[in-house]
N, C-alpha and C. Protein backbone atom coordinates (compact mmCIF):
# COMPACT_ATOMS: atom_id res chain seq x y z
N MET A 1 -10.69 -9.81 -3.71
CA MET A 1 -10.42 -9.86 -4.65
C MET A 1 -9.49 -10.86 -4.64
N ILE A 2 -9.37 -11.83 -5.86
CA ILE A 2 -8.76 -12.49 -6.05
C ILE A 2 -7.60 -12.58 -7.43
N ASN A 3 -6.65 -12.49 -7.25
CA ASN A 3 -5.71 -12.74 -8.30
C ASN A 3 -5.52 -11.07 -8.83
N ILE A 4 -5.32 -10.80 -8.06
CA ILE A 4 -5.14 -9.01 -8.81
C ILE A 4 -3.78 -8.66 -9.37
N LYS A 5 -3.79 -8.20 -10.68
CA LYS A 5 -2.50 -7.22 -11.18
C LYS A 5 -2.65 -6.10 -10.94
N PRO A 6 -2.05 -5.26 -9.59
CA PRO A 6 -2.14 -3.99 -10.01
C PRO A 6 -1.15 -3.53 -11.23
N ILE A 7 -1.80 -2.49 -12.14
CA ILE A 7 -1.14 -1.59 -13.07
C ILE A 7 -1.40 -0.14 -13.18
N ALA A 8 0.05 0.77 -12.74
CA ALA A 8 -0.51 2.25 -12.97
C ALA A 8 -1.05 2.51 -14.34
N ILE A 9 -1.80 3.44 -14.25
CA ILE A 9 -2.31 4.15 -15.88
C ILE A 9 -2.20 5.72 -15.34
N PRO A 10 -1.20 6.12 -16.37
CA PRO A 10 -1.35 8.25 -16.81
C PRO A 10 -3.22 8.13 -16.51
N PHE A 11 -3.39 9.21 -15.98
CA PHE A 11 -4.89 9.82 -15.98
C PHE A 11 -5.34 10.32 -17.24
N ARG A 12 -4.26 10.91 -17.98
CA ARG A 12 -4.48 11.30 -19.32
C ARG A 12 -4.75 10.17 -20.03
N GLU A 13 -4.86 9.30 -19.66
CA GLU A 13 -5.05 7.94 -20.99
C GLU A 13 -6.34 7.53 -20.33
N LEU A 14 -6.86 7.19 -18.92
CA LEU A 14 -8.12 7.39 -18.65
C LEU A 14 -9.07 7.88 -19.27
N LEU A 15 -8.41 9.38 -19.19
CA LEU A 15 -9.33 10.21 -19.78
C LEU A 15 -9.61 10.43 -21.52
N GLU A 16 -8.86 9.96 -22.08
CA GLU A 16 -8.80 9.60 -23.44
C GLU A 16 -9.89 8.24 -23.62
N GLU A 17 -9.84 7.43 -23.40
CA GLU A 17 -10.20 6.08 -23.39
C GLU A 17 -11.96 6.04 -22.64
N PHE A 18 -12.08 6.69 -21.42
CA PHE A 18 -13.69 6.51 -20.79
C PHE A 18 -14.30 7.73 -21.25
N THR A 19 -15.63 7.72 -21.17
CA THR A 19 -16.40 8.69 -20.87
C THR A 19 -16.38 9.40 -19.99
N ARG A 20 -17.32 10.69 -19.58
CA ARG A 20 -17.00 11.60 -18.82
C ARG A 20 -17.87 10.76 -17.16
N ASP A 21 -18.67 10.07 -17.86
CA ASP A 21 -19.74 9.25 -16.92
C ASP A 21 -18.67 8.00 -16.12
N ASP A 22 -18.02 7.48 -17.07
CA ASP A 22 -17.49 6.23 -16.35
C ASP A 22 -15.95 7.18 -15.35
N ILE A 23 -15.73 8.11 -16.02
CA ILE A 23 -14.61 8.86 -15.27
C ILE A 23 -14.86 9.66 -14.10
N GLU A 24 -16.50 9.95 -14.05
CA GLU A 24 -16.61 10.49 -12.52
C GLU A 24 -17.25 9.32 -11.56
N SER A 25 -17.55 7.72 -12.01
CA SER A 25 -17.78 7.08 -11.15
C SER A 25 -16.21 6.28 -10.74
N LEU A 26 -15.84 6.67 -11.68
CA LEU A 26 -14.56 5.74 -10.90
C LEU A 26 -13.81 6.92 -9.99
N LEU A 27 -13.94 8.05 -10.17
CA LEU A 27 -13.44 8.70 -9.16
C LEU A 27 -14.19 9.13 -7.98
N ASP A 28 -15.54 8.79 -8.19
CA ASP A 28 -16.48 8.66 -6.66
C ASP A 28 -15.84 7.60 -5.90
N GLY A 29 -15.62 6.37 -6.57
CA GLY A 29 -14.94 5.34 -5.82
C GLY A 29 -14.04 5.47 -4.93
N PHE A 30 -13.28 6.56 -4.98
CA PHE A 30 -11.85 6.67 -4.57
C PHE A 30 -12.19 7.17 -2.83
N LYS A 31 -11.79 6.39 -1.56
CA LYS A 31 -12.29 6.64 -0.32
C LYS A 31 -10.93 6.86 -0.11
N CYS A 32 -10.69 7.71 0.98
CA CYS A 32 -9.37 7.89 1.95
C CYS A 32 -9.61 8.43 2.99
N SER A 33 -9.76 7.78 4.09
CA SER A 33 -10.16 8.32 5.04
C SER A 33 -9.35 9.01 6.19
N ARG A 34 -7.78 8.26 5.84
CA ARG A 34 -6.66 8.60 6.40
C ARG A 34 -6.42 10.43 6.38
N GLU A 35 -6.77 10.87 5.09
CA GLU A 35 -6.09 12.20 4.70
C GLU A 35 -7.57 12.67 3.62
N SER A 36 -8.47 13.19 4.40
CA SER A 36 -10.18 13.68 3.45
C SER A 36 -9.32 14.57 2.43
N PHE A 37 -8.39 15.08 2.56
CA PHE A 37 -7.68 16.20 1.47
C PHE A 37 -7.67 15.55 0.26
N ILE A 38 -6.60 14.28 0.37
CA ILE A 38 -6.27 13.46 -0.75
C ILE A 38 -7.65 12.67 -1.63
N GLU A 39 -8.74 12.36 -0.52
CA GLU A 39 -10.19 12.05 -1.05
C GLU A 39 -10.83 12.89 -1.95
N GLY A 40 -10.45 14.15 -1.41
CA GLY A 40 -11.07 15.45 -1.94
C GLY A 40 -10.87 15.95 -3.53
N PHE A 41 -9.29 15.90 -3.47
CA PHE A 41 -8.71 16.11 -4.50
C PHE A 41 -9.00 15.40 -5.45
N VAL A 42 -8.80 13.97 -5.39
CA VAL A 42 -9.08 13.02 -6.58
C VAL A 42 -10.58 13.28 -6.92
N ARG A 43 -11.52 13.67 -6.00
CA ARG A 43 -12.86 13.42 -6.65
C ARG A 43 -13.30 14.53 -7.14
N ASP A 44 -12.54 16.12 -6.92
CA ASP A 44 -12.99 17.39 -7.15
C ASP A 44 -12.13 18.22 -7.95
N LYS A 45 -10.96 18.14 -7.85
CA LYS A 45 -9.64 18.63 -8.37
C LYS A 45 -8.77 17.94 -9.23
N CYS A 46 -8.68 16.54 -9.46
CA CYS A 46 -7.75 15.68 -10.17
C CYS A 46 -8.21 16.08 -11.78
N VAL A 47 -9.15 16.04 -12.26
CA VAL A 47 -9.42 16.59 -13.62
C VAL A 47 -8.76 17.86 -13.66
N HIS A 48 -9.12 18.65 -12.94
CA HIS A 48 -8.71 20.09 -13.56
C HIS A 48 -7.30 20.36 -13.28
N SER A 49 -6.96 19.60 -12.45
CA SER A 49 -5.38 19.84 -12.37
C SER A 49 -4.50 19.41 -13.25
N GLU A 50 -4.98 17.90 -14.00
CA GLU A 50 -4.37 17.37 -14.90
C GLU A 50 -4.48 18.09 -16.42
N ASN A 51 -5.89 18.82 -16.48
CA ASN A 51 -5.88 19.89 -17.80
C ASN A 51 -4.86 21.28 -17.98
N MET A 52 -4.56 21.52 -16.50
CA MET A 52 -4.09 22.80 -16.62
C MET A 52 -2.52 22.66 -16.23
N GLY A 53 -2.09 21.26 -16.12
CA GLY A 53 -0.71 20.63 -15.87
C GLY A 53 0.02 20.82 -14.63
N ASP A 54 -0.95 20.95 -13.44
CA ASP A 54 0.14 21.75 -12.33
C ASP A 54 0.23 20.29 -11.40
N THR A 55 -0.30 18.97 -11.78
CA THR A 55 0.37 17.74 -11.17
C THR A 55 -0.11 16.87 -12.76
N LYS A 56 0.38 15.46 -12.71
CA LYS A 56 0.18 14.71 -13.12
C LYS A 56 -0.04 13.53 -12.22
N SER A 57 -1.37 12.81 -12.95
CA SER A 57 -2.00 12.08 -11.69
C SER A 57 -1.88 10.56 -12.12
N TYR A 58 -1.86 9.76 -11.61
CA TYR A 58 -1.69 8.55 -11.73
C TYR A 58 -2.68 7.55 -11.10
N PHE A 59 -3.00 6.41 -11.59
CA PHE A 59 -4.28 5.60 -10.91
C PHE A 59 -3.59 4.23 -10.81
N ILE A 60 -3.98 3.17 -9.81
CA ILE A 60 -3.36 1.87 -10.02
C ILE A 60 -4.91 1.39 -9.89
N LEU A 61 -5.05 0.41 -11.00
CA LEU A 61 -6.05 -0.08 -11.05
C LEU A 61 -5.49 -1.57 -11.10
N ASP A 62 -6.69 -2.52 -11.26
CA ASP A 62 -6.80 -3.71 -11.12
C ASP A 62 -6.44 -4.30 -12.70
N GLU A 63 -5.32 -4.81 -13.30
CA GLU A 63 -5.57 -5.08 -14.48
C GLU A 63 -6.58 -6.34 -15.27
N ASN A 64 -6.46 -7.17 -14.00
CA ASN A 64 -7.80 -8.16 -14.26
C ASN A 64 -8.61 -8.26 -14.29
N SER A 65 -9.39 -7.11 -13.76
CA SER A 65 -10.55 -6.76 -13.33
C SER A 65 -11.66 -5.73 -14.75
N ASP A 66 -12.84 -6.68 -14.88
CA ASP A 66 -13.45 -5.63 -15.87
C ASP A 66 -13.92 -4.55 -15.44
N ASP A 67 -14.10 -4.44 -14.22
CA ASP A 67 -14.92 -3.19 -13.66
C ASP A 67 -13.72 -1.83 -13.43
N LEU A 68 -13.65 -0.87 -13.61
CA LEU A 68 -12.74 -0.11 -13.38
C LEU A 68 -13.01 0.22 -11.40
N CYS A 69 -11.71 0.51 -10.78
CA CYS A 69 -11.71 0.41 -9.68
C CYS A 69 -10.22 0.76 -9.04
N ILE A 70 -10.49 2.15 -8.92
CA ILE A 70 -8.99 2.61 -7.92
C ILE A 70 -8.42 1.38 -6.49
N LEU A 71 -7.02 1.21 -6.61
CA LEU A 71 -6.58 0.39 -5.80
C LEU A 71 -5.58 1.64 -5.19
N GLY A 72 -4.92 2.41 -5.79
CA GLY A 72 -3.91 3.54 -5.24
C GLY A 72 -4.09 4.79 -6.10
N TYR A 73 -3.25 5.64 -5.84
CA TYR A 73 -3.24 6.52 -6.70
C TYR A 73 -1.79 7.53 -5.54
N TYR A 74 -1.59 8.35 -7.12
CA TYR A 74 -0.65 8.86 -6.73
C TYR A 74 -0.26 10.60 -7.94
N ALA A 75 0.13 11.47 -7.37
CA ALA A 75 -0.08 12.69 -7.97
C ALA A 75 1.63 13.13 -8.16
N LEU A 76 2.26 13.67 -9.12
CA LEU A 76 3.33 14.18 -9.32
C LEU A 76 3.46 15.48 -9.64
N THR A 77 4.78 16.08 -9.82
CA THR A 77 4.76 17.53 -9.92
C THR A 77 6.38 17.99 -10.10
N LEU A 78 6.80 19.24 -10.79
CA LEU A 78 7.92 19.55 -10.03
C LEU A 78 7.70 20.64 -9.26
N LYS A 79 8.61 20.59 -8.27
CA LYS A 79 9.03 21.80 -7.64
C LYS A 79 10.06 21.99 -7.19
N VAL A 80 10.62 23.29 -6.85
CA VAL A 80 11.75 24.06 -6.50
C VAL A 80 11.54 23.87 -4.55
N ILE A 81 12.95 23.42 -4.19
CA ILE A 81 12.61 23.53 -2.63
C ILE A 81 13.98 24.28 -2.27
N TYR A 82 13.30 24.86 -0.77
CA TYR A 82 14.04 25.46 -0.32
C TYR A 82 14.94 25.08 0.84
N LEU A 83 16.59 24.55 0.84
CA LEU A 83 16.92 24.16 2.17
C LEU A 83 17.28 25.88 2.73
N ALA A 84 17.16 25.60 4.01
CA ALA A 84 17.31 26.77 4.95
C ALA A 84 19.06 26.12 5.28
N GLU A 85 19.30 25.53 5.23
CA GLU A 85 20.53 25.24 5.69
C GLU A 85 21.26 23.58 5.33
N ILE A 86 22.28 23.68 4.97
CA ILE A 86 22.88 22.56 3.78
C ILE A 86 24.29 22.53 4.57
N SER A 87 25.11 20.92 5.02
CA SER A 87 25.92 21.02 5.28
C SER A 87 26.82 21.20 3.74
N GLY A 88 27.90 20.97 4.09
CA GLY A 88 28.99 20.38 2.81
C GLY A 88 28.88 18.98 2.21
N GLY A 89 28.58 18.08 3.12
CA GLY A 89 28.87 16.58 2.84
C GLY A 89 26.80 16.71 2.14
N LYS A 90 26.56 17.25 2.56
CA LYS A 90 24.55 16.75 1.91
C LYS A 90 24.85 17.71 0.66
N ALA A 91 25.59 19.17 0.68
CA ALA A 91 25.41 19.31 -0.91
C ALA A 91 26.19 19.06 -1.96
N LYS A 92 27.42 18.03 -1.47
CA LYS A 92 28.10 17.51 -2.36
C LYS A 92 26.98 15.93 -3.08
N LYS A 93 26.54 15.61 -1.82
CA LYS A 93 25.10 14.34 -2.34
C LYS A 93 24.31 14.68 -2.84
N LEU A 94 23.83 16.08 -2.88
CA LEU A 94 22.46 16.58 -3.97
C LEU A 94 23.47 17.05 -5.03
N HIS A 95 24.64 16.98 -5.14
CA HIS A 95 25.28 17.57 -6.35
C HIS A 95 25.15 19.01 -6.78
N GLN A 96 25.31 20.03 -5.30
CA GLN A 96 25.46 21.26 -5.58
C GLN A 96 26.75 21.87 -5.46
N LYS A 97 27.19 22.45 -6.53
CA LYS A 97 28.29 23.31 -6.47
C LYS A 97 28.98 23.42 -5.17
N GLU A 98 27.74 24.62 -4.96
CA GLU A 98 28.15 25.36 -3.38
C GLU A 98 26.82 24.79 -2.71
N LYS A 99 27.22 25.11 -1.56
CA LYS A 99 26.95 24.61 -0.20
C LYS A 99 25.72 26.34 -0.13
N THR A 100 26.13 27.08 -0.58
CA THR A 100 25.22 28.43 -0.19
C THR A 100 23.66 28.52 -1.71
N ASN A 101 24.33 27.15 -2.32
CA ASN A 101 22.79 27.37 -3.30
C ASN A 101 21.68 26.44 -2.47
N LEU A 102 20.78 26.86 -1.91
CA LEU A 102 20.02 26.10 -1.56
C LEU A 102 18.57 26.01 -2.51
N TYR A 103 18.70 25.91 -3.29
CA TYR A 103 17.31 26.11 -4.06
C TYR A 103 17.71 24.79 -5.30
N ILE A 104 16.96 23.85 -4.98
CA ILE A 104 17.11 22.54 -5.69
C ILE A 104 16.17 22.55 -6.25
N PRO A 105 16.04 22.20 -7.57
CA PRO A 105 15.22 21.66 -8.19
C PRO A 105 14.44 20.22 -7.95
N THR A 106 13.26 19.85 -7.94
CA THR A 106 13.10 18.29 -7.38
C THR A 106 11.66 17.69 -8.18
N TYR A 107 11.36 16.53 -8.09
CA TYR A 107 10.46 15.96 -8.56
C TYR A 107 9.28 16.06 -6.98
N TYR A 108 8.11 16.11 -7.11
CA TYR A 108 7.26 16.12 -5.78
C TYR A 108 6.67 14.78 -5.76
N ILE A 109 6.39 14.07 -5.04
CA ILE A 109 5.17 13.37 -4.84
C ILE A 109 4.12 14.53 -4.18
N ALA A 110 3.43 14.57 -4.76
CA ALA A 110 2.23 15.63 -4.32
C ALA A 110 1.62 14.77 -3.29
N LEU A 111 0.76 13.61 -3.72
CA LEU A 111 -0.37 13.00 -2.96
C LEU A 111 -0.09 11.92 -3.30
N LEU A 112 -0.16 10.71 -2.39
CA LEU A 112 0.16 8.82 -2.48
C LEU A 112 -0.94 8.58 -1.71
N ALA A 113 -1.72 7.76 -2.28
CA ALA A 113 -2.76 6.93 -1.05
C ALA A 113 -3.33 5.40 -1.68
N LYS A 114 -3.59 4.61 -0.85
CA LYS A 114 -4.73 3.45 -1.33
C LYS A 114 -6.18 3.83 -0.54
N ASN A 115 -6.77 2.95 -1.93
CA ASN A 115 -8.19 3.28 -1.78
C ASN A 115 -8.80 2.88 -0.42
N ASP A 116 -9.37 3.22 0.40
CA ASP A 116 -9.72 2.36 2.06
C ASP A 116 -10.33 1.13 1.35
N THR A 117 -11.25 1.37 0.24
CA THR A 117 -12.18 0.19 -0.09
C THR A 117 -11.21 -1.10 -0.55
N TYR A 118 -10.27 -0.92 -0.78
CA TYR A 118 -9.33 -1.79 -1.61
C TYR A 118 -8.07 -2.25 -0.57
N LYS A 119 -8.16 -1.62 0.11
CA LYS A 119 -6.42 -1.35 0.92
C LYS A 119 -5.93 -2.79 1.37
N GLU A 120 -6.63 -3.87 1.70
CA GLU A 120 -5.98 -4.86 1.92
C GLU A 120 -5.39 -5.89 0.45
N SER A 121 -6.07 -5.25 -0.48
CA SER A 121 -5.25 -5.54 -1.86
C SER A 121 -3.90 -4.73 -2.32
N ILE A 122 -3.95 -4.19 -2.16
CA ILE A 122 -2.39 -3.38 -2.48
C ILE A 122 -1.55 -3.26 -1.18
N GLU A 123 -0.32 -3.10 -1.01
CA GLU A 123 0.64 -2.68 -0.14
C GLU A 123 1.04 -1.29 -1.20
N GLY A 124 1.03 -0.31 0.23
CA GLY A 124 1.34 1.10 0.02
C GLY A 124 2.85 1.26 -0.50
N LYS A 125 3.61 0.27 -0.59
CA LYS A 125 4.75 0.58 -0.90
C LYS A 125 4.78 -0.05 -2.44
N TYR A 126 3.97 -0.51 -2.77
CA TYR A 126 3.77 -0.80 -4.66
C TYR A 126 3.38 0.68 -4.72
N VAL A 127 2.39 1.39 -4.42
CA VAL A 127 1.98 2.64 -4.77
C VAL A 127 3.46 3.62 -5.16
N LEU A 128 4.02 3.32 -3.67
CA LEU A 128 5.18 4.28 -3.64
C LEU A 128 6.12 3.95 -4.94
N GLU A 129 6.70 2.48 -4.90
CA GLU A 129 7.60 2.31 -6.27
C GLU A 129 6.88 2.30 -7.47
N SER A 130 5.45 2.37 -7.45
CA SER A 130 5.16 2.93 -8.84
C SER A 130 5.45 4.47 -8.95
N ALA A 131 5.57 5.31 -8.03
CA ALA A 131 5.57 6.74 -8.18
C ALA A 131 7.09 6.93 -8.63
N LEU A 132 8.26 6.20 -8.11
CA LEU A 132 9.21 6.38 -7.84
C LEU A 132 10.04 6.03 -9.51
N ALA A 133 9.31 5.00 -9.96
CA ALA A 133 9.29 4.09 -11.22
C ALA A 133 9.52 5.46 -12.24
N THR A 134 7.92 5.90 -11.91
CA THR A 134 7.57 7.44 -13.32
C THR A 134 8.64 8.02 -13.01
N ILE A 135 8.66 8.62 -11.76
CA ILE A 135 10.16 9.53 -11.77
C ILE A 135 11.58 8.95 -12.60
N GLN A 136 11.94 8.12 -12.00
CA GLN A 136 12.97 7.63 -12.90
C GLN A 136 12.89 7.75 -14.21
N THR A 137 11.64 7.22 -14.59
CA THR A 137 11.67 6.89 -16.24
C THR A 137 12.26 8.95 -16.80
N ALA A 138 10.98 9.70 -15.43
CA ALA A 138 11.28 11.19 -16.19
C ALA A 138 12.75 11.74 -15.57
N ALA A 139 13.70 10.70 -14.66
CA ALA A 139 15.10 11.73 -14.48
C ALA A 139 15.57 11.38 -15.54
N GLN A 140 15.27 10.22 -16.33
CA GLN A 140 16.09 9.44 -17.14
C GLN A 140 16.11 10.39 -18.61
N SER A 141 14.98 11.12 -18.88
CA SER A 141 14.91 11.64 -19.89
C SER A 141 14.92 13.00 -20.13
N VAL A 142 15.00 13.34 -18.71
CA VAL A 142 15.13 15.08 -18.88
C VAL A 142 16.40 15.43 -17.47
N GLY A 143 17.18 14.57 -16.91
CA GLY A 143 17.53 15.01 -15.64
C GLY A 143 17.01 14.77 -14.28
N GLY A 144 17.78 15.41 -13.22
CA GLY A 144 17.14 15.47 -12.04
C GLY A 144 17.28 13.92 -11.17
N ARG A 145 17.51 14.65 -9.94
CA ARG A 145 17.42 12.96 -8.92
C ARG A 145 17.27 13.32 -7.59
N VAL A 146 16.48 14.30 -7.44
CA VAL A 146 15.71 14.59 -6.36
C VAL A 146 14.26 14.58 -6.36
N VAL A 147 13.95 13.42 -5.35
CA VAL A 147 12.47 13.49 -4.93
C VAL A 147 12.00 13.81 -3.51
N TRP A 148 11.38 14.38 -3.44
CA TRP A 148 10.60 14.88 -2.17
C TRP A 148 9.17 14.70 -1.51
N VAL A 149 8.87 14.21 -0.54
CA VAL A 149 7.50 14.20 -0.11
C VAL A 149 7.30 15.31 1.10
N GLU A 150 6.13 15.11 1.87
CA GLU A 150 5.78 15.97 3.01
C GLU A 150 4.70 15.07 3.81
N ALA A 151 4.63 15.16 4.95
CA ALA A 151 4.01 14.33 5.35
C ALA A 151 3.55 14.99 7.25
N LYS A 152 2.48 15.08 7.67
CA LYS A 152 2.23 15.61 8.72
C LYS A 152 2.87 15.30 9.94
N LYS A 153 3.80 15.67 10.68
CA LYS A 153 4.55 15.20 11.81
C LYS A 153 3.52 14.07 12.82
N GLU A 154 2.24 14.67 13.13
CA GLU A 154 1.44 13.94 13.76
C GLU A 154 1.35 12.35 13.46
N HIS A 155 1.16 12.30 12.19
CA HIS A 155 1.37 11.08 11.71
C HIS A 155 2.15 9.96 11.25
N ARG A 156 2.89 9.55 12.67
CA ARG A 156 4.30 9.28 12.63
C ARG A 156 4.10 7.82 11.56
N GLY A 157 3.15 7.35 11.46
CA GLY A 157 3.28 5.97 10.68
C GLY A 157 3.80 6.33 9.40
N VAL A 158 3.09 7.67 8.87
CA VAL A 158 3.32 8.00 7.58
C VAL A 158 4.81 8.47 7.54
N VAL A 159 5.43 9.28 8.14
CA VAL A 159 6.74 9.36 8.53
C VAL A 159 7.62 8.19 8.33
N GLU A 160 7.15 7.05 9.07
CA GLU A 160 8.00 6.27 9.36
C GLU A 160 7.94 5.59 7.60
N PHE A 161 6.49 4.94 7.19
CA PHE A 161 6.85 4.93 5.97
C PHE A 161 7.84 5.23 5.16
N TYR A 162 8.02 6.61 5.00
CA TYR A 162 8.52 6.93 3.74
C TYR A 162 10.42 6.54 4.25
N GLN A 163 10.69 6.91 5.65
CA GLN A 163 11.88 6.78 6.35
C GLN A 163 12.27 5.12 5.61
N ASN A 164 11.01 4.16 6.08
CA ASN A 164 11.47 2.88 5.95
C ASN A 164 11.77 2.40 4.63
N ASN A 165 11.29 3.54 3.57
CA ASN A 165 11.60 3.40 2.27
C ASN A 165 12.46 4.02 1.41
N GLY A 166 13.76 4.65 2.14
CA GLY A 166 14.78 5.45 2.07
C GLY A 166 14.56 6.60 1.71
N PHE A 167 13.65 7.76 2.61
CA PHE A 167 13.65 9.31 2.89
C PHE A 167 14.41 9.21 3.99
N THR A 168 14.67 10.55 3.77
CA THR A 168 15.67 11.18 4.79
C THR A 168 14.79 12.53 4.97
N GLU A 169 14.61 12.75 6.02
CA GLU A 169 13.75 14.34 6.93
C GLU A 169 14.96 14.95 6.42
N PHE A 170 14.63 15.91 6.16
CA PHE A 170 15.72 17.10 5.78
C PHE A 170 15.07 18.44 6.37
N GLN A 171 14.16 18.68 6.47
CA GLN A 171 13.39 19.95 7.53
C GLN A 171 11.98 19.85 7.81
N VAL A 172 11.14 20.44 8.66
CA VAL A 172 10.33 20.47 9.22
C VAL A 172 9.69 21.94 9.06
N GLU A 173 8.25 22.01 8.43
CA GLU A 173 8.11 23.33 8.18
C GLU A 173 6.91 23.28 8.86
N GLU A 174 6.27 24.69 9.55
CA GLU A 174 5.03 24.81 10.62
C GLU A 174 4.19 25.06 9.13
N GLN A 175 2.89 24.74 8.81
CA GLN A 175 2.15 25.25 8.23
C GLN A 175 0.48 25.60 9.08
N SER A 176 -0.24 26.27 8.65
CA SER A 176 -1.42 26.36 9.00
C SER A 176 -1.85 25.42 9.72
N ASP A 177 -2.07 24.08 9.73
CA ASP A 177 -2.56 22.74 10.26
C ASP A 177 -1.41 22.24 10.74
N GLY A 178 -0.63 22.38 11.22
CA GLY A 178 0.40 21.77 11.87
C GLY A 178 1.99 21.64 11.25
N PHE A 179 2.90 20.88 11.53
CA PHE A 179 3.97 20.57 11.87
C PHE A 179 4.12 19.59 10.23
N TYR A 180 4.93 19.90 9.49
CA TYR A 180 5.18 18.98 8.48
C TYR A 180 6.65 18.49 7.89
N SER A 181 7.12 17.30 8.34
CA SER A 181 8.26 16.58 7.88
C SER A 181 8.45 16.39 6.46
N HIS A 182 9.47 17.01 5.96
CA HIS A 182 9.98 17.08 4.43
C HIS A 182 10.99 15.89 4.37
N LEU A 183 10.94 15.11 3.60
CA LEU A 183 11.57 13.94 3.43
C LEU A 183 11.81 13.69 1.95
N LEU A 184 13.44 13.46 1.93
CA LEU A 184 14.29 13.42 0.73
C LEU A 184 14.56 12.24 0.44
N LYS A 185 14.54 11.85 -1.26
CA LYS A 185 15.31 10.80 -1.73
C LYS A 185 16.24 11.20 -2.73
N ILE A 186 17.09 10.06 -3.11
CA ILE A 186 17.97 10.36 -4.39
C ILE A 186 17.82 9.64 -5.35
N VAL A 187 17.57 9.75 -6.49
CA VAL A 187 16.97 8.40 -7.42
C VAL A 187 17.84 8.38 -8.44
């Protein structure tokens, strides 16, 4: 693909503009071999989650293409996190009045991925920056300044990707399918 011009489109706009068949075809074209859960979510649960208001999805499309093709994808939601332990310095940085207040409202990047089919056409950093720009717009409108993600510890490259983009690991959680690194960033 030459002359790609990526643009983030809220899924709600796509649902309003295109037919159901067009949407199904678009979603079926999304491939994510790194994490089959993301691929399955985009294909099978994205519409329902959007309609229920659980997450808000955004698709990175090529503005220069006449064909609908997903270059990247992210889903955002609000989530309260629990910090098991927090130092006075971290509490201050997070604007917590007391370090005993361990529940923090946050923006949560629930899913973030590139489409395998076009992975050479877009950098993961662009998808992340688009997600952070969307969060920044929301933060300017309603407040909040903490964003976080989680990544499987075994996927060291993913953890490092977030760390290289300004996220700091603040806790590790054991889940049914392994250990997850929780990474936080102040926006």
